Amino acid sequence: MEPKFILTLDGHLRIGYAKMHKNLLLPGDTCIGGGYWEIDYLTNRLLLSRRSYDYGKPKWNFVTGKLYVPNEYRGMKIEYEGESLMDYCNVSDEFEIKYY
């Protein structure tokens, strides 16, 4: 089990420990990428990185409107850093975050 996340077409960030990224999908979800996560407690940041072997890197530009994040991460700054400098996304600044 590894710390993995997926991004769904309807804007849900699903985070958990899973063997495969597809294990984080709920019925009806359409995955638009994923990767790995860690928490930097010193700076209170949720750090998303890399890409899913099954779904590729998250397609942030497909998300319109709000990004839905699990309530456990409320108050944390969220950042994504892919495999190149072009893949960086300051998620907290780019999206209106709603918690579920």
Protein backbone atom coordinates (compact mmCIF):
# COMPACT_ATOMS: atom_id res chain seq x y z
CA MET A 1 0.00 0.00 0.00
CA GLU A 2 1.32 3.40 -0.99
CA PRO A 3 0.07 6.98 -0.46
CA LYS A 4 -1.76 7.71 -3.72
CA PHE A 5 -4.28 10.22 -5.01
CA ILE A 6 -6.54 10.53 -8.02
CA LEU A 7 -8.35 13.48 -9.55
CA THR A 8 -11.86 12.93 -10.92
CA LEU A 9 -13.58 14.71 -13.77
CA ASP A 10 -16.14 16.18 -11.37
CA GLY A 11 -13.33 17.76 -9.31
CA HIS A 12 -12.89 15.31 -6.43
CA LEU A 13 -9.43 14.74 -5.03
CA ARG A 14 -9.45 11.19 -3.66
CA ILE A 15 -6.57 10.48 -1.28
CA GLY A 16 -5.60 7.30 0.47
CA TYR A 17 -3.34 4.31 0.73
CA ALA A 18 -3.82 1.92 -2.16
CA LYS A 19 -2.07 -0.76 -4.13
CA MET A 20 -3.32 0.69 -7.41
CA HIS A 21 -4.76 4.10 -8.23
CA LYS A 22 -7.97 2.50 -9.51
CA ASN A 23 -8.66 1.31 -5.96
CA LEU A 24 -9.42 4.94 -5.00
CA LEU A 25 -12.25 5.24 -7.55
CA LEU A 26 -15.85 5.31 -6.41
CA PRO A 27 -18.74 4.11 -8.61
CA GLY A 28 -19.40 6.70 -11.31
CA ASP A 29 -15.97 8.36 -11.03
CA THR A 30 -14.01 9.22 -14.16
CA CYS A 31 -10.32 9.50 -13.34
CA ILE A 32 -8.32 12.27 -15.03
CA GLY A 33 -4.94 11.47 -13.51
CA GLY A 34 -3.28 10.89 -10.21
CA GLY A 35 -0.03 10.48 -8.38
CA TYR A 36 1.44 10.27 -4.92
CA TRP A 37 1.06 12.41 -1.80
CA GLU A 38 2.82 13.30 1.42
CA ILE A 39 2.23 15.79 4.21
CA ASP A 40 4.82 18.36 5.22
CA TYR A 41 3.74 19.00 8.80
CA LEU A 42 6.35 21.71 9.30
CA THR A 43 4.80 23.93 6.60
CA ASN A 44 1.25 22.51 6.83
CA ARG A 45 1.21 21.47 3.16
CA LEU A 46 -0.31 18.56 1.29
CA LEU A 47 2.28 17.80 -1.37
CA LEU A 48 1.06 15.98 -4.47
CA SER A 49 3.60 14.66 -6.94
CA ARG A 50 4.51 12.42 -9.88
CA ARG A 51 1.89 10.57 -11.89
CA SER A 52 -0.28 7.48 -11.87
CA TYR A 53 1.00 4.60 -13.97
CA ASP A 54 -2.60 3.81 -14.91
CA TYR A 55 -4.04 7.32 -15.52
CA GLY A 56 -1.05 9.63 -16.02
CA LYS A 57 -0.47 13.01 -14.43
CA PRO A 58 -3.49 14.94 -13.13
CA LYS A 59 -5.22 17.02 -15.79
CA TRP A 60 -5.91 20.08 -13.63
CA ASN A 61 -7.15 22.01 -16.67
CA PHE A 62 -10.13 19.61 -16.98
CA VAL A 63 -11.48 20.69 -13.58
CA THR A 64 -13.95 23.54 -13.84
CA GLY A 65 -15.30 25.31 -10.82
CA LYS A 66 -14.57 23.82 -7.44
CA LEU A 67 -12.09 21.22 -6.25
CA TYR A 68 -13.48 18.89 -3.58
CA VAL A 69 -10.92 17.83 -0.98
CA PRO A 70 -11.39 15.48 2.00
CA ASN A 71 -12.07 17.37 5.23
CA GLU A 72 -8.95 15.88 6.88
CA TYR A 73 -6.83 18.29 4.79
CA ARG A 74 -8.74 21.46 5.71
CA GLY A 75 -6.41 24.40 6.21
CA MET A 76 -3.45 22.84 4.42
CA LYS A 77 -1.88 24.47 1.41
CA ILE A 78 -2.05 22.05 -1.52
CA GLU A 79 0.66 21.92 -4.18
CA TYR A 80 1.34 19.59 -7.08
CA GLU A 81 4.79 19.06 -8.56
CA GLY A 82 5.09 16.77 -11.55
CA GLU A 83 8.13 15.43 -13.29
CA SER A 84 9.02 18.76 -14.91
CA LEU A 85 8.82 22.42 -13.93
CA MET A 86 5.94 22.83 -16.41
CA ASP A 87 3.85 20.44 -14.29
CA TYR A 88 3.75 22.61 -11.14
CA CYS A 89 0.32 23.66 -9.89
CA ASN A 90 -0.42 25.71 -6.77
CA VAL A 91 -3.73 23.92 -6.27
CA SER A 92 -4.79 26.08 -3.31
CA ASP A 93 -4.48 29.24 -5.39
CA GLU A 94 -5.85 27.87 -8.67
CA PHE A 95 -9.12 26.41 -7.37
CA GLU A 96 -11.95 27.23 -5.03
CA ILE A 97 -11.58 24.43 -2.47
CA LYS A 98 -14.64 22.79 -0.93
CA TYR A 99 -14.26 20.14 1.73
CA TYR A 100 -16.26 16.94 2.06
